[in-house]
Protein backbone atom coordinates (compact mmCIF):
# COMPACT_ATOMS: atom_id res chain seq x y z
CA MET A 1 -0.48 22.40 20.45
CA PRO A 2 -4.40 22.39 19.99
CA PRO A 3 -6.50 19.30 19.37
CA CYS A 4 -6.34 18.37 15.75
CA HIS A 5 -8.44 16.24 13.61
CA THR A 6 -5.97 13.51 12.35
CA GLY A 7 -5.65 9.75 11.47
CA THR A 8 -7.98 7.60 9.23
CA SER A 9 -11.13 9.66 10.55
CA ALA A 10 -9.53 12.92 8.80
CA SER A 11 -7.55 11.11 5.49
CA ALA A 12 -10.51 9.01 4.58
CA PRO A 13 -12.65 11.70 3.47
CA LEU A 14 -9.84 13.74 2.23
CA ALA A 15 -8.61 10.84 0.14
CA ALA A 16 -12.33 10.27 -1.14
CA GLY A 17 -12.45 13.59 -2.32
CA ILE A 18 -9.46 13.30 -4.32
CA CYS A 19 -10.91 10.11 -5.81
CA ALA A 20 -13.98 11.78 -6.83
CA LEU A 21 -12.01 14.55 -8.53
CA VAL A 22 -9.87 11.62 -10.21
CA LEU A 23 -13.40 10.00 -11.16
CA GLU A 24 -14.80 13.31 -12.33
CA ALA A 25 -11.74 13.47 -14.92
CA ASN A 26 -12.57 9.92 -16.01
CA PRO A 27 -15.84 8.24 -14.72
CA GLY A 28 -14.91 4.84 -16.42
CA LEU A 29 -12.42 3.98 -13.81
CA THR A 30 -12.44 0.79 -11.92
CA TRP A 31 -11.37 0.43 -8.31
CA ARG A 32 -8.32 -1.51 -9.66
CA ASP A 33 -7.75 1.31 -11.94
CA MET A 34 -7.56 3.97 -9.32
CA GLN A 35 -5.15 1.65 -7.25
CA HIS A 36 -2.85 1.75 -10.13
CA ILE A 37 -3.21 5.44 -10.56
CA VAL A 38 -2.17 6.01 -6.73
CA VAL A 39 0.51 3.78 -6.98
CA GLN A 40 2.30 5.49 -10.10
CA THR A 41 1.62 8.93 -8.92
CA ALA A 42 2.37 8.84 -5.23
CA ARG A 43 5.09 10.88 -4.03
CA PRO A 44 7.74 9.58 -1.15
CA ALA A 45 9.57 12.80 -0.82
CA ASN A 46 10.10 14.47 2.62
CA LEU A 47 8.43 11.47 4.22
CA HIS A 48 11.20 10.14 6.86
CA ALA A 49 10.99 6.58 8.07
CA ARG A 50 13.67 4.11 8.37
CA ASP A 51 11.94 1.22 6.51
CA TRP A 52 11.72 2.71 3.04
CA LYS A 53 12.84 0.39 0.45
CA THR A 54 13.00 0.17 -3.23
CA ASN A 55 10.66 -3.00 -4.48
CA GLY A 56 11.87 -5.23 -7.63
CA ILE A 57 10.63 -2.62 -10.29
CA GLY A 58 12.32 0.49 -8.75
CA ARG A 59 9.19 1.97 -6.77
CA ASN A 60 9.92 3.38 -3.36
CA VAL A 61 7.65 1.85 -0.55
CA SER A 62 7.40 1.75 3.00
CA HIS A 63 5.22 0.46 5.71
CA SER A 64 5.05 3.71 7.37
CA PHE A 65 3.85 5.64 4.27
CA GLY A 66 3.06 3.06 1.90
CA TYR A 67 4.22 4.75 -1.56
CA GLY A 68 3.94 8.33 -0.47
CA LEU A 69 1.80 11.41 -0.78
CA LEU A 70 -1.53 11.30 -2.93
CA ASP A 71 -0.99 13.87 -5.33
CA ALA A 72 -4.39 15.05 -6.85
CA ASN A 73 -3.20 17.06 -9.95
CA ALA A 74 -0.75 14.14 -11.20
CA MET A 75 -3.68 11.52 -10.59
CA ILE A 76 -6.19 13.70 -12.46
CA ASP A 77 -3.71 13.97 -15.29
CA LEU A 78 -2.94 10.61 -15.73
CA ALA A 79 -6.76 9.56 -15.26
CA LYS A 80 -7.66 11.46 -18.38
CA HIS A 81 -5.35 9.38 -20.28
CA TRP A 82 -5.77 6.02 -18.67
CA VAL A 83 -7.10 2.84 -20.19
CA THR A 84 -8.91 0.37 -18.07
CA VAL A 85 -6.46 -2.69 -16.75
CA PRO A 86 -6.79 -6.17 -18.11
CA SER A 87 -8.74 -8.50 -16.19
CA GLN A 88 -7.32 -9.70 -12.98
CA LYS A 89 -5.98 -13.21 -12.74
CA LEU A 90 -5.32 -15.29 -10.07
CA CYS A 91 -2.35 -18.00 -8.97
CA GLU A 92 -2.50 -19.99 -6.03
CA VAL A 93 0.30 -22.02 -4.72
CA ARG A 94 -0.13 -24.44 -1.64
CA SER A 95 2.51 -25.93 0.64
CA GLN A 96 2.12 -29.69 1.54
CA PRO A 97 1.46 -30.03 5.53
CA ILE A 98 4.09 -28.94 7.37
CA ASP A 99 3.69 -28.98 11.13
CA LYS A 100 6.81 -27.18 11.65
CA LEU A 101 7.97 -26.26 15.21
CA VAL A 102 8.89 -22.76 15.75
CA PRO A 103 11.09 -22.69 19.03
CA ALA A 104 10.78 -19.85 21.34
CA LYS A 105 13.45 -17.03 20.93
CA SER A 106 13.96 -18.50 17.42
CA TYR A 107 12.44 -18.55 13.62
CA ILE A 108 11.93 -20.51 10.86
CA GLU A 109 12.22 -19.99 7.00
CA MET A 110 10.06 -21.71 4.45
CA SER A 111 9.76 -21.20 0.91
CA LEU A 112 7.69 -21.85 -2.14
CA LYS A 113 8.41 -22.13 -5.74
CA VAL A 114 6.03 -20.15 -7.98
CA SER A 115 5.58 -20.46 -11.81
CA CYS A 116 2.59 -18.52 -12.68
CA GLU A 117 1.63 -18.54 -16.52
CA ASN A 118 -1.41 -16.10 -16.00
CA VAL A 119 0.06 -13.50 -13.45
CA LYS A 120 3.21 -11.74 -14.95
CA PHE A 121 2.34 -8.22 -13.27
CA LEU A 122 1.53 -8.43 -9.54
CA GLU A 123 -1.06 -6.34 -7.57
CA HIS A 124 -2.32 -8.21 -4.45
CA ILE A 125 -0.41 -10.79 -2.72
CA GLN A 126 -2.07 -12.59 0.03
CA ALA A 127 -0.28 -15.37 2.23
CA LYS A 128 -2.75 -17.74 4.23
CA VAL A 129 -1.27 -18.89 7.22
CA THR A 130 -2.19 -22.04 9.72
CA LEU A 131 -0.20 -21.51 12.78
CA THR A 132 -0.79 -22.70 16.53
CA ALA A 133 0.77 -20.66 19.25
CA THR A 134 0.61 -20.43 22.98
CA ARG A 135 0.94 -16.81 22.66
CA ARG A 136 -0.13 -15.12 19.52
CA GLY A 137 1.30 -11.85 20.38
CA ASP A 138 4.78 -13.18 20.28
CA ILE A 139 4.87 -13.96 16.48
CA HIS A 140 6.10 -11.82 13.59
CA VAL A 141 5.84 -12.61 9.87
CA TYR A 142 7.73 -11.49 6.63
CA LEU A 143 7.16 -12.34 3.28
CA THR A 144 10.08 -11.89 0.61
CA SER A 145 9.37 -11.99 -3.07
CA PRO A 146 11.57 -13.48 -5.74
CA SER A 147 12.91 -9.74 -6.58
CA GLY A 148 13.80 -9.33 -3.01
CA THR A 149 10.89 -7.15 -1.77
CA ARG A 150 10.43 -7.99 2.18
CA SER A 151 7.00 -7.26 3.41
CA THR A 152 5.83 -6.94 7.02
CA LEU A 153 2.73 -9.21 7.01
CA LEU A 154 2.59 -9.16 10.96
CA ALA A 155 4.54 -7.37 13.65
CA GLN A 156 4.75 -8.52 17.31
CA ARG A 157 1.79 -7.24 19.62
CA PRO A 158 2.61 -7.10 23.31
CA MET A 159 -1.18 -6.91 24.39
CA ASP A 160 -2.24 -9.95 22.21
CA ASN A 161 -2.52 -12.73 24.60
CA SER A 162 -4.68 -14.95 22.53
CA ARG A 163 -3.90 -18.69 22.15
CA SER A 164 -6.05 -19.24 19.01
CA GLY A 165 -3.08 -18.97 16.52
CA PHE A 166 -4.07 -18.45 13.10
CA GLN A 167 -6.58 -20.69 10.84
CA ASN A 168 -5.77 -20.27 7.29
CA TRP A 169 -5.79 -16.30 7.96
CA PRO A 170 -5.12 -14.13 4.72
CA PHE A 171 -2.30 -11.18 5.50
CA MET A 172 -1.96 -9.00 2.49
CA THR A 173 0.83 -6.85 1.18
CA VAL A 174 1.16 -4.53 -2.16
CA HIS A 175 4.77 -3.81 -1.52
CA SER A 176 5.55 -6.12 -4.68
CA TRP A 177 3.10 -4.20 -7.15
CA GLY A 178 4.22 -4.77 -10.60
CA GLU A 179 6.77 -7.44 -9.82
CA ASN A 180 6.98 -10.47 -11.75
CA PRO A 181 5.74 -13.44 -9.22
CA SER A 182 7.66 -16.47 -10.76
CA GLY A 183 10.58 -17.86 -8.51
CA ASP A 184 11.04 -18.49 -4.87
CA TRP A 185 9.17 -17.02 -2.19
CA ARG A 186 10.36 -16.88 1.40
CA LEU A 187 8.20 -16.94 4.44
CA GLU A 188 9.71 -16.17 7.84
CA ILE A 189 8.02 -17.00 11.19
CA HIS A 190 9.41 -15.39 14.43
CA ASN A 191 8.54 -16.34 17.88
CA GLU A 192 9.77 -14.33 20.67
CA GLY A 193 8.84 -16.91 23.05
CA ARG A 194 7.83 -14.79 26.29
CA TYR A 195 7.64 -17.72 28.47
CA TYR A 196 11.08 -19.11 27.37
CA ILE A 197 13.10 -20.53 30.04
CA ALA A 198 16.45 -18.91 30.62
CA ASN A 199 18.35 -21.95 31.84
CA GLY A 200 18.40 -23.94 28.66
CA LEU A 201 15.28 -25.96 28.86
CA GLN A 202 12.59 -25.27 26.33
CA SER A 203 9.18 -24.52 27.94
CA ILE A 204 6.17 -25.67 26.19
CA PHE A 205 4.33 -22.40 26.56
CA GLY A 206 6.60 -20.58 24.30
CA ARG A 207 6.11 -22.93 21.29
CA ALA A 208 4.44 -22.22 17.87
CA PHE A 209 3.76 -24.63 15.10
CA LEU A 210 3.59 -23.69 11.56
CA LYS A 211 0.71 -26.07 10.16
CA GLU A 212 0.61 -24.81 6.34
CA TRP A 213 0.83 -21.87 4.21
CA THR A 214 -0.66 -20.60 0.90
CA LEU A 215 0.30 -17.99 -1.70
CA VAL A 216 -2.57 -16.37 -3.45
CA LEU A 217 -1.31 -14.06 -6.31
CA TYR A 218 -3.31 -11.40 -8.02
CA GLY A 219 -2.51 -9.51 -11.17
CA THR A 220 -2.57 -9.61 -14.79
CA SER A 221 -0.88 -11.50 -17.73
CA VAL A 222 0.16 -8.31 -19.69
CA ASN A 223 1.15 -4.70 -18.94
CA PRO A 224 -1.44 -3.24 -16.96
CA ASP A 225 -0.67 0.25 -17.93
CA ARG A 226 -1.77 0.36 -21.66
CA ARG A 227 -1.46 4.16 -22.27
CA GLN A 228 1.06 3.44 -25.06
CA LEU A 229 -1.31 1.09 -26.77
CA LYS A 230 -4.10 3.80 -26.77
CA ALA A 231 -1.62 6.16 -28.30
CA ASN A 232 -0.62 3.57 -31.21
CA GLN A 233 -4.39 3.01 -31.78
CA TRP A 234 -4.58 6.77 -32.06
CA SER A 235 -1.83 7.30 -34.10
CA THR A 236 -2.75 4.58 -36.51
CA SER A 237 -6.34 6.07 -36.89
CA HIS A 238 -4.78 9.55 -37.61
CA THR A 239 -2.09 8.24 -40.11
CA ASN A 240 -3.53 10.54 -42.88
CA SER A 241 -4.47 13.43 -40.96
CA ASP A 242 -2.33 16.76 -40.63
CA THR A 243 -2.78 16.64 -36.91
CA PRO A 244 0.45 15.49 -35.26
CA SER A 245 0.33 12.84 -32.69
CA VAL A 246 0.71 14.14 -28.86
CA PRO A 247 3.91 12.49 -27.38
CA LEU A 248 2.31 10.40 -24.24
CA SER A 249 4.78 11.85 -21.93
CA THR A 250 3.44 15.54 -22.50
CA SER A 251 -0.18 14.32 -21.10
CA SER A 252 1.01 13.33 -17.88
CA PRO A 253 3.58 14.53 -15.48
CA VAL A 254 4.35 10.53 -14.54
CA GLN A 255 6.56 8.53 -16.80
CA ASP A 256 7.19 4.96 -16.84
CA PHE A 257 10.42 3.56 -17.43
CA PRO A 258 11.26 -0.15 -17.23
CA ASN A 259 12.54 -0.33 -13.92
CA ARG A 260 11.92 3.14 -12.38
CA LEU A 261 9.46 5.65 -11.99
CA VAL A 262 10.33 9.34 -12.77
CA VAL A 263 8.16 12.40 -12.06
CA SER A 264 8.69 15.58 -14.00
CA GLU A 265 8.54 19.02 -12.60
CA LYS A 266 5.16 19.50 -13.56
CA SER A 267 3.98 17.54 -10.35
CA VAL A 268 6.07 19.22 -8.07
CA THR A 269 4.14 20.62 -4.90
CA LYS A 270 3.51 24.56 -5.10
CA ALA A 271 3.01 24.78 -1.54
CA PRO A 272 5.95 24.56 1.01
CA VAL A 273 6.57 20.81 2.39
CA VAL A 274 8.14 20.04 5.50
CA ASN A 275 9.76 16.72 6.86
CA ILE A 276 7.11 14.26 8.16
CA LYS A 277 8.23 11.63 10.49
CA HIS A 278 6.04 8.49 11.54
CA ASN A 279 5.30 7.93 14.83
CA ASN A 280 6.66 5.55 16.99
CA ILE A 281 8.63 4.14 13.91
CA GLU A 282 12.40 3.43 15.13
CA ASP A 283 13.12 0.41 13.25
CA GLU A 284 12.03 -2.09 10.56
CA ASP A 285 10.70 -5.05 13.17
CA ASN A 286 8.50 -2.27 14.70
CA SER A 287 7.06 -0.86 11.56
CA GLU A 288 3.52 -1.75 11.69
CA ASN A 289 1.02 -3.27 14.16
CA ILE A 290 -1.18 -5.30 11.74
CA LEU A 291 -4.01 -6.11 14.43
CA ALA A 292 -3.96 -2.60 15.91
CA ASP A 293 -6.81 -0.57 14.16
CA SER A 294 -5.52 3.00 14.67
CA GLN A 295 -1.72 3.07 14.79
CA THR A 296 -1.51 6.68 12.86
CA LYS A 297 -3.76 8.54 15.63
CA ASN A 298 -0.87 10.56 17.00
CA MET A 299 0.85 11.75 13.71
CA TYR A 300 2.11 15.07 13.69
CA ASN A 301 0.22 18.08 12.18
CA HIS A 302 2.46 21.15 12.06
CA ASN A 303 -0.18 23.85 10.75
CA GLU A 304 -3.29 24.22 8.85
CA ASP A 305 -2.10 23.29 5.77
CA TRP A 306 -2.31 19.57 5.09
CA SER A 307 -1.36 16.64 2.95
CA ILE A 308 -2.64 12.98 2.69
CA LEU A 309 -0.26 10.05 3.16
CA VAL A 310 -0.98 6.91 1.80
CA HIS A 311 -0.39 4.21 4.65
CA GLY A 312 0.86 0.76 4.11
CA THR A 313 -1.16 -2.41 3.56
CA ARG A 314 -3.90 -3.07 5.98
CA HIS A 315 -4.39 -6.77 6.69
CA SER A 316 -7.72 -7.96 7.55
CA LYS A 317 -9.50 -11.57 8.19
CA ASN A 318 -12.40 -9.85 5.86
CA ASN A 319 -9.66 -9.95 2.99
CA ASP A 320 -10.18 -6.00 2.72
CA MET A 321 -8.04 -4.64 0.08
CA ILE A 322 -8.78 -1.13 0.47
CA PRO A 323 -5.61 1.17 1.36
CA THR A 324 -5.71 3.20 4.51
CA GLY A 325 -4.60 6.91 4.91
CA ALA A 326 -3.06 9.27 7.41
CA VAL A 327 -3.34 12.95 7.52
CA SER A 328 -0.23 14.93 8.73
CA GLY A 329 2.39 17.97 7.96
CA SER A 330 1.79 20.91 5.62
CA GLY A 331 2.56 21.28 1.99
CA CYS A 332 -0.85 20.77 -0.21
CA ALA A 333 -0.52 18.44 -3.41
CA LEU A 334 -3.52 20.04 -5.15
CA SER A 335 -2.73 22.67 -7.73
CA ASP A 336 -4.38 25.78 -7.35
CA PRO A 337 -7.85 25.51 -9.45
CA VAL A 338 -8.34 21.76 -7.97
CA PHE A 339 -7.50 23.24 -4.34
CA LYS A 340 -10.16 26.16 -4.83
CA ARG A 341 -12.82 23.73 -5.91
CA CYS A 342 -12.17 21.58 -2.61
CA ILE A 343 -12.36 24.73 -0.65
CA GLY A 344 -15.38 25.52 -2.19
CA TRP A 345 -17.04 22.07 -1.53
CA PHE A 346 -15.78 22.13 2.06
CA ILE A 347 -17.57 25.78 2.73
CA CYS A 348 -20.67 24.56 1.03
CA ALA A 349 -20.57 21.51 3.44
CA PHE A 350 -20.04 23.71 6.74
CA ALA A 351 -23.06 26.02 5.15
CA VAL A 352 -25.11 23.06 5.06
CA LYS A 353 -24.49 21.93 8.62
CA ALA A 354 -24.94 25.45 10.01
CA LEU A 355 -28.42 25.74 8.32
CA LEU A 356 -29.44 22.51 9.80
CA GLN A 357 -28.26 23.30 13.13
CA ASN A 358 -29.99 26.57 13.22
CA SER A 359 -33.62 25.21 11.64
């Protein structure tokens, strides 16, 4: 197979191009509007990984593929009728100082009870963890929401030999997007303890201590999808008009129901789609290498067709909330007119590059 341009280096500009088309359809969108549109229109079909699960509001999500393929046509259709989301609220719950031992070859589970009046619909969740460890790479961390959605915040890292631990380190997940945060949240700290002594004696070199942890929950107090409100306002203002009100479902291939996302036939891909497997994903425990920067560099690329994958959450010390992507497989999710416009843009770009090289 010849070398191919894949990974975040390829997917980032492609995703940016789709976002540009969406902003052209609705220039008033904010960065949070764009994230809501991506989550509501992403398609998990033909993406094979063992860690797919259904979150608390019925959306499929995976650490390997996020919420699924970016669907440019569905995103544009939804953007045309999107209403800016309400202002973002914050709810923070801090644990008491713990200093809890995490023995080698063992794990602990801690819980925090959350009752947020100003956040009823989750967006981003941060768990800020302070932890000491003699070998940081032996630690892996999981967070489970009150609805039962379990997110991998930190996977094992065989090459991470640091003794620094984590000092109020923010780990982020978006797998509970749309859930109600009220209830008991569970944090699991696993310690593989590479320096564990097998004769039954516990080595001090394999231990870790959880000092404290904090949940920072971002979201809205009301339903962020306000298209129905817009439709109701339009209907009220046209009560005396002979023009019939257009049902909301006809304007977008994506329809929201209380607990499940349903995609109509309008958003089905027009090009052939092949099965895609995430590289090196064999089980949930090894689903994501948080501290590595380019896990998706070896994604399969079957032919010249392409599709965009919204990857799982990226966690960073700088609190970066922008999702990453990966390019793989075949089956363009763009409709024919939009696809032609994209091809035109790429041709123009190559023409400009050729002129610059020849000048």
